[in-house]
Amino acid sequence: MLKIPELAMNKKKSVKTKCHGEVIKWKSREEAKEFFLEAMMNSEGSEHDRYSAIYLQLIHGLSYCTDCED
């Protein structure tokens, strides 16, 4: 189960991601999740780690997801 209850999750449809220094504003969280899941499945090593970090943040409802440890 998620640590964050579904009711507490961000309900905004739009989301921003930052990967390799490039910021992308997505119209739909589902579109971003689909992109990063596919990228994660087709990569390995540090690339896989970057994509999976963003994908997990998307699942947890964050409105700004990044591959950096800021």
PDB file of N, CA and C in Angstrom:
ATOM      1  N   MET A   1       0.838  -1.184   0.000  1.00  0.00           N
ATOM      2  CA  MET A   1       0.000   0.000   0.000  1.00  0.00           C
ATOM      3  C   MET A   1       0.882   1.246   0.000  1.00  0.00           C
ATOM      4  N   LEU A   2       0.317   2.313  -0.511  1.00  0.00           N
ATOM      5  CA  LEU A   2       1.029   3.580  -0.508  1.00  0.00           C
ATOM      6  C   LEU A   2       1.041   4.180   0.888  1.00  0.00           C
ATOM      7  N   LYS A   3       2.078   4.898   1.198  1.00  0.00           N
ATOM      8  CA  LYS A   3       2.156   5.589   2.482  1.00  0.00           C
ATOM      9  C   LYS A   3       1.240   6.812   2.503  1.00  0.00           C
ATOM     10  N   ILE A   4       0.958   7.372   1.327  1.00  0.00           N
ATOM     11  CA  ILE A   4       0.096   8.548   1.229  1.00  0.00           C
ATOM     12  C   ILE A   4      -1.306   8.063   0.868  1.00  0.00           C
ATOM     13  N   PRO A   5      -2.307   8.359   1.680  1.00  0.00           N
ATOM     14  CA  PRO A   5      -3.669   7.958   1.332  1.00  0.00           C
ATOM     15  C   PRO A   5      -4.103   8.595   0.015  1.00  0.00           C
ATOM     16  N   GLU A   6      -4.931   7.888  -0.736  1.00  0.00           N
ATOM     17  CA  GLU A   6      -5.373   8.394  -2.031  1.00  0.00           C
ATOM     18  C   GLU A   6      -6.046   9.757  -1.910  1.00  0.00           C
ATOM     19  N   LEU A   7      -6.768  10.004  -0.831  1.00  0.00           N
ATOM     20  CA  LEU A   7      -7.452  11.277  -0.663  1.00  0.00           C
ATOM     21  C   LEU A   7      -6.476  12.436  -0.493  1.00  0.00           C
ATOM     22  N   ALA A   8      -5.263  12.151  -0.032  1.00  0.00           N
ATOM     23  CA  ALA A   8      -4.269  13.196   0.191  1.00  0.00           C
ATOM     24  C   ALA A   8      -3.419  13.461  -1.056  1.00  0.00           C
ATOM     25  N   MET A   9      -3.570  12.618  -2.072  1.00  0.00           N
ATOM     26  CA  MET A   9      -2.757  12.767  -3.268  1.00  0.00           C
ATOM     27  C   MET A   9      -3.180  13.986  -4.074  1.00  0.00           C
ATOM     28  N   ASN A  10      -2.235  14.547  -4.799  1.00  0.00           N
ATOM     29  CA  ASN A  10      -2.481  15.711  -5.641  1.00  0.00           C
ATOM     30  C   ASN A  10      -3.445  15.328  -6.761  1.00  0.00           C
ATOM     31  N   LYS A  11      -4.538  16.057  -6.886  1.00  0.00           N
ATOM     32  CA  LYS A  11      -5.560  15.749  -7.891  1.00  0.00           C
ATOM     33  C   LYS A  11      -5.350  16.486  -9.206  1.00  0.00           C
ATOM     34  N   LYS A  12      -4.322  17.344  -9.297  1.00  0.00           N
ATOM     35  CA  LYS A  12      -4.058  18.079 -10.532  1.00  0.00           C
ATOM     36  C   LYS A  12      -3.759  17.098 -11.659  1.00  0.00           C
ATOM     37  N   LYS A  13      -4.290  17.413 -12.830  1.00  0.00           N
ATOM     38  CA  LYS A  13      -4.018  16.563 -13.981  1.00  0.00           C
ATOM     39  C   LYS A  13      -2.648  16.872 -14.575  1.00  0.00           C
ATOM     40  N   SER A  14      -2.256  18.153 -14.564  1.00  0.00           N
ATOM     41  CA  SER A  14      -0.971  18.521 -15.149  1.00  0.00           C
ATOM     42  C   SER A  14       0.157  18.256 -14.149  1.00  0.00           C
ATOM     43  N   VAL A  15       1.327  18.010 -14.697  1.00  0.00           N
ATOM     44  CA  VAL A  15       2.492  17.710 -13.876  1.00  0.00           C
ATOM     45  C   VAL A  15       3.737  18.158 -14.637  1.00  0.00           C
ATOM     46  N   LYS A  16       4.788  18.529 -13.896  1.00  0.00           N
ATOM     47  CA  LYS A  16       6.066  18.894 -14.510  1.00  0.00           C
ATOM     48  C   LYS A  16       7.101  17.848 -14.111  1.00  0.00           C
ATOM     49  N   THR A  17       7.959  17.496 -15.075  1.00  0.00           N
ATOM     50  CA  THR A  17       9.058  16.585 -14.794  1.00  0.00           C
ATOM     51  C   THR A  17      10.364  17.240 -15.220  1.00  0.00           C
ATOM     52  N   LYS A  18      11.425  16.881 -14.522  1.00  0.00           N
ATOM     53  CA  LYS A  18      12.757  17.348 -14.892  1.00  0.00           C
ATOM     54  C   LYS A  18      13.656  16.126 -14.974  1.00  0.00           C
ATOM     55  N   CYS A  19      14.108  15.831 -16.188  1.00  0.00           N
ATOM     56  CA  CYS A  19      14.966  14.668 -16.418  1.00  0.00           C
ATOM     57  C   CYS A  19      16.113  15.108 -17.319  1.00  0.00           C
ATOM     58  N   HIS A  20      17.332  14.840 -16.902  1.00  0.00           N
ATOM     59  CA  HIS A  20      18.537  15.278 -17.631  1.00  0.00           C
ATOM     60  C   HIS A  20      18.558  16.789 -17.812  1.00  0.00           C
ATOM     61  N   GLY A  21      18.009  17.524 -16.848  1.00  0.00           N
ATOM     62  CA  GLY A  21      18.014  18.977 -16.908  1.00  0.00           C
ATOM     63  C   GLY A  21      16.916  19.578 -17.774  1.00  0.00           C
ATOM     64  N   GLU A  22      16.129  18.757 -18.457  1.00  0.00           N
ATOM     65  CA  GLU A  22      15.053  19.243 -19.314  1.00  0.00           C
ATOM     66  C   GLU A  22      13.721  19.187 -18.558  1.00  0.00           C
ATOM     67  N   VAL A  23      13.042  20.324 -18.480  1.00  0.00           N
ATOM     68  CA  VAL A  23      11.750  20.405 -17.800  1.00  0.00           C
ATOM     69  C   VAL A  23      10.638  20.275 -18.838  1.00  0.00           C
ATOM     70  N   ILE A  24       9.710  19.352 -18.580  1.00  0.00           N
ATOM     71  CA  ILE A  24       8.573  19.143 -19.476  1.00  0.00           C
ATOM     72  C   ILE A  24       7.295  19.293 -18.669  1.00  0.00           C
ATOM     73  N   LYS A  25       6.352  20.062 -19.197  1.00  0.00           N
ATOM     74  CA  LYS A  25       5.041  20.180 -18.568  1.00  0.00           C
ATOM     75  C   LYS A  25       4.082  19.262 -19.322  1.00  0.00           C
ATOM     76  N   TRP A  26       3.539  18.279 -18.604  1.00  0.00           N
ATOM     77  CA  TRP A  26       2.619  17.313 -19.175  1.00  0.00           C
ATOM     78  C   TRP A  26       1.190  17.763 -18.911  1.00  0.00           C
ATOM     79  N   LYS A  27       0.318  17.588 -19.871  1.00  0.00           N
ATOM     80  CA  LYS A  27      -1.090  17.929 -19.701  1.00  0.00           C
ATOM     81  C   LYS A  27      -1.789  16.910 -18.806  1.00  0.00           C
ATOM     82  N   SER A  28      -1.265  15.698 -18.793  1.00  0.00           N
ATOM     83  CA  SER A  28      -1.905  14.617 -18.062  1.00  0.00           C
ATOM     84  C   SER A  28      -0.860  13.813 -17.284  1.00  0.00           C
ATOM     85  N   ARG A  29      -1.165  13.527 -16.029  1.00  0.00           N
ATOM     86  CA  ARG A  29      -0.295  12.686 -15.206  1.00  0.00           C
ATOM     87  C   ARG A  29      -0.185  11.288 -15.825  1.00  0.00           C
ATOM     88  N   GLU A  30      -1.290  10.791 -16.367  1.00  0.00           N
ATOM     89  CA  GLU A  30      -1.297   9.460 -16.974  1.00  0.00           C
ATOM     90  C   GLU A  30      -0.357   9.385 -18.177  1.00  0.00           C
ATOM     91  N   GLU A  31      -0.320  10.451 -18.965  1.00  0.00           N
ATOM     92  CA  GLU A  31       0.582  10.510 -20.121  1.00  0.00           C
ATOM     93  C   GLU A  31       2.040  10.460 -19.666  1.00  0.00           C
ATOM     94  N   ALA A  32       2.364  11.201 -18.618  1.00  0.00           N
ATOM     95  CA  ALA A  32       3.727  11.206 -18.086  1.00  0.00           C
ATOM     96  C   ALA A  32       4.085   9.831 -17.517  1.00  0.00           C
ATOM     97  N   LYS A  33       3.151   9.232 -16.768  1.00  0.00           N
ATOM     98  CA  LYS A  33       3.404   7.905 -16.192  1.00  0.00           C
ATOM     99  C   LYS A  33       3.651   6.876 -17.291  1.00  0.00           C
ATOM    100  N   GLU A  34       2.876   6.945 -18.354  1.00  0.00           N
ATOM    101  CA  GLU A  34       3.036   6.017 -19.478  1.00  0.00           C
ATOM    102  C   GLU A  34       4.416   6.175 -20.120  1.00  0.00           C
ATOM    103  N   PHE A  35       4.822   7.437 -20.334  1.00  0.00           N
ATOM    104  CA  PHE A  35       6.127   7.706 -20.943  1.00  0.00           C
ATOM    105  C   PHE A  35       7.269   7.169 -20.081  1.00  0.00           C
ATOM    106  N   PHE A  36       7.251   7.490 -18.771  1.00  0.00           N
ATOM    107  CA  PHE A  36       8.362   7.094 -17.912  1.00  0.00           C
ATOM    108  C   PHE A  36       8.367   5.596 -17.612  1.00  0.00           C
ATOM    109  N   LEU A  37       7.218   4.965 -17.607  1.00  0.00           N
ATOM    110  CA  LEU A  37       7.178   3.511 -17.442  1.00  0.00           C
ATOM    111  C   LEU A  37       7.828   2.832 -18.640  1.00  0.00           C
ATOM    112  N   GLU A  38       7.480   3.287 -19.843  1.00  0.00           N
ATOM    113  CA  GLU A  38       8.077   2.711 -21.050  1.00  0.00           C
ATOM    114  C   GLU A  38       9.585   2.964 -21.092  1.00  0.00           C
ATOM    115  N   ALA A  39       9.996   4.194 -20.746  1.00  0.00           N
ATOM    116  CA  ALA A  39      11.423   4.526 -20.732  1.00  0.00           C
ATOM    117  C   ALA A  39      12.170   3.670 -19.713  1.00  0.00           C
ATOM    118  N   MET A  40      11.548   3.463 -18.563  1.00  0.00           N
ATOM    119  CA  MET A  40      12.149   2.649 -17.510  1.00  0.00           C
ATOM    120  C   MET A  40      12.313   1.202 -17.975  1.00  0.00           C
ATOM    121  N   MET A  41      11.302   0.687 -18.663  1.00  0.00           N
ATOM    122  CA  MET A  41      11.342  -0.705 -19.118  1.00  0.00           C
ATOM    123  C   MET A  41      12.379  -0.929 -20.224  1.00  0.00           C
ATOM    124  N   ASN A  42      12.712   0.145 -20.967  1.00  0.00           N
ATOM    125  CA  ASN A  42      13.630   0.024 -22.094  1.00  0.00           C
ATOM    126  C   ASN A  42      15.021   0.560 -21.794  1.00  0.00           C
ATOM    127  N   SER A  43      15.373   0.674 -20.534  1.00  0.00           N
ATOM    128  CA  SER A  43      16.690   1.193 -20.174  1.00  0.00           C
ATOM    129  C   SER A  43      17.295   0.334 -19.068  1.00  0.00           C
ATOM    130  N   GLU A  44      18.546   0.597 -18.795  1.00  0.00           N
ATOM    131  CA  GLU A  44      19.232  -0.120 -17.717  1.00  0.00           C
ATOM    132  C   GLU A  44      20.273   0.797 -17.082  1.00  0.00           C
ATOM    133  N   GLY A  45      20.756   0.397 -15.949  1.00  0.00           N
ATOM    134  CA  GLY A  45      21.789   1.161 -15.256  1.00  0.00           C
ATOM    135  C   GLY A  45      21.282   2.484 -14.727  1.00  0.00           C
ATOM    136  N   SER A  46      22.098   3.533 -14.887  1.00  0.00           N
ATOM    137  CA  SER A  46      21.748   4.845 -14.338  1.00  0.00           C
ATOM    138  C   SER A  46      20.524   5.450 -15.029  1.00  0.00           C
ATOM    139  N   GLU A  47      20.341   5.158 -16.309  1.00  0.00           N
ATOM    140  CA  GLU A  47      19.147   5.647 -17.018  1.00  0.00           C
ATOM    141  C   GLU A  47      17.888   5.051 -16.393  1.00  0.00           C
ATOM    142  N   HIS A  48      17.924   3.770 -16.123  1.00  0.00           N
ATOM    143  CA  HIS A  48      16.790   3.092 -15.490  1.00  0.00           C
ATOM    144  C   HIS A  48      16.490   3.723 -14.124  1.00  0.00           C
ATOM    145  N   ASP A  49      17.532   4.026 -13.377  1.00  0.00           N
ATOM    146  CA  ASP A  49      17.360   4.637 -12.056  1.00  0.00           C
ATOM    147  C   ASP A  49      16.702   6.015 -12.157  1.00  0.00           C
ATOM    148  N   ARG A  50      17.110   6.810 -13.150  1.00  0.00           N
ATOM    149  CA  ARG A  50      16.523   8.139 -13.345  1.00  0.00           C
ATOM    150  C   ARG A  50      15.027   8.037 -13.655  1.00  0.00           C
ATOM    151  N   TYR A  51      14.698   7.196 -14.630  1.00  0.00           N
ATOM    152  CA  TYR A  51      13.301   7.061 -15.039  1.00  0.00           C
ATOM    153  C   TYR A  51      12.444   6.463 -13.935  1.00  0.00           C
ATOM    154  N   SER A  52      12.970   5.496 -13.220  1.00  0.00           N
ATOM    155  CA  SER A  52      12.168   4.878 -12.152  1.00  0.00           C
ATOM    156  C   SER A  52      11.939   5.850 -10.996  1.00  0.00           C
ATOM    157  N   ALA A  53      12.910   6.723 -10.702  1.00  0.00           N
ATOM    158  CA  ALA A  53      12.732   7.722  -9.643  1.00  0.00           C
ATOM    159  C   ALA A  53      11.585   8.659  -9.990  1.00  0.00           C
ATOM    160  N   ILE A  54      11.542   9.118 -11.227  1.00  0.00           N
ATOM    161  CA  ILE A  54      10.469  10.014 -11.655  1.00  0.00           C
ATOM    162  C   ILE A  54       9.135   9.277 -11.674  1.00  0.00           C
ATOM    163  N   TYR A  55       9.129   8.052 -12.164  1.00  0.00           N
ATOM    164  CA  TYR A  55       7.890   7.272 -12.221  1.00  0.00           C
ATOM    165  C   TYR A  55       7.302   7.074 -10.819  1.00  0.00           C
ATOM    166  N   LEU A  56       8.130   6.757  -9.853  1.00  0.00           N
ATOM    167  CA  LEU A  56       7.645   6.573  -8.486  1.00  0.00           C
ATOM    168  C   LEU A  56       7.086   7.870  -7.906  1.00  0.00           C
ATOM    169  N   GLN A  57       7.715   8.987  -8.217  1.00  0.00           N
ATOM    170  CA  GLN A  57       7.203  10.276  -7.750  1.00  0.00           C
ATOM    171  C   GLN A  57       5.847  10.583  -8.386  1.00  0.00           C
ATOM    172  N   LEU A  58       5.681  10.224  -9.654  1.00  0.00           N
ATOM    173  CA  LEU A  58       4.397  10.415 -10.331  1.00  0.00           C
ATOM    174  C   LEU A  58       3.301   9.577  -9.671  1.00  0.00           C
ATOM    175  N   ILE A  59       3.629   8.348  -9.355  1.00  0.00           N
ATOM    176  CA  ILE A  59       2.667   7.454  -8.711  1.00  0.00           C
ATOM    177  C   ILE A  59       2.239   8.004  -7.352  1.00  0.00           C
ATOM    178  N   HIS A  60       3.175   8.621  -6.641  1.00  0.00           N
ATOM    179  CA  HIS A  60       2.874   9.148  -5.310  1.00  0.00           C
ATOM    180  C   HIS A  60       2.183  10.511  -5.345  1.00  0.00           C
ATOM    181  N   GLY A  61       1.916  11.044  -6.531  1.00  0.00           N
ATOM    182  CA  GLY A  61       1.103  12.240  -6.649  1.00  0.00           C
ATOM    183  C   GLY A  61       1.825  13.568  -6.601  1.00  0.00           C
ATOM    184  N   LEU A  62       3.144  13.570  -6.697  1.00  0.00           N
ATOM    185  CA  LEU A  62       3.867  14.843  -6.700  1.00  0.00           C
ATOM    186  C   LEU A  62       3.567  15.625  -7.980  1.00  0.00           C
ATOM    187  N   SER A  63       3.512  16.945  -7.890  1.00  0.00           N
ATOM    188  CA  SER A  63       3.227  17.759  -9.066  1.00  0.00           C
ATOM    189  C   SER A  63       4.509  18.191  -9.793  1.00  0.00           C
ATOM    190  N   TYR A  64       5.674  18.046  -9.132  1.00  0.00           N
ATOM    191  CA  TYR A  64       6.963  18.317  -9.761  1.00  0.00           C
ATOM    192  C   TYR A  64       7.863  17.129  -9.453  1.00  0.00           C
ATOM    193  N   CYS A  65       8.239  16.393 -10.490  1.00  0.00           N
ATOM    194  CA  CYS A  65       9.032  15.169 -10.317  1.00  0.00           C
ATOM    195  C   CYS A  65      10.380  15.357 -10.995  1.00  0.00           C
ATOM    196  N   THR A  66      11.444  14.961 -10.311  1.00  0.00           N
ATOM    197  CA  THR A  66      12.788  15.169 -10.838  1.00  0.00           C
ATOM    198  C   THR A  66      13.663  13.945 -10.594  1.00  0.00           C
ATOM    199  N   ASP A  67      14.715  13.837 -11.399  1.00  0.00           N
ATOM    200  CA  ASP A  67      15.663  12.747 -11.236  1.00  0.00           C
ATOM    201  C   ASP A  67      16.846  13.170 -10.344  1.00  0.00           C
ATOM    202  N   CYS A  68      16.833  14.423  -9.887  1.00  0.00           N
ATOM    203  CA  CYS A  68      17.897  14.950  -9.031  1.00  0.00           C
ATOM    204  C   CYS A  68      17.577  14.697  -7.559  1.00  0.00           C
ATOM    205  N   GLU A  69      18.606  14.711  -6.749  1.00  0.00           N
ATOM    206  CA  GLU A  69      18.430  14.541  -5.313  1.00  0.00           C
ATOM    207  C   GLU A  69      18.520  15.891  -4.606  1.00  0.00           C
ATOM    208  N   ASP A  70      17.812  16.886  -5.118  1.00  0.00           N
ATOM    209  CA  ASP A  70      17.855  18.247  -4.556  1.00  0.00           C
ATOM    210  C   ASP A  70      17.229  18.306  -3.192  1.00  0.00           C
TER     211      ASP A  70
END
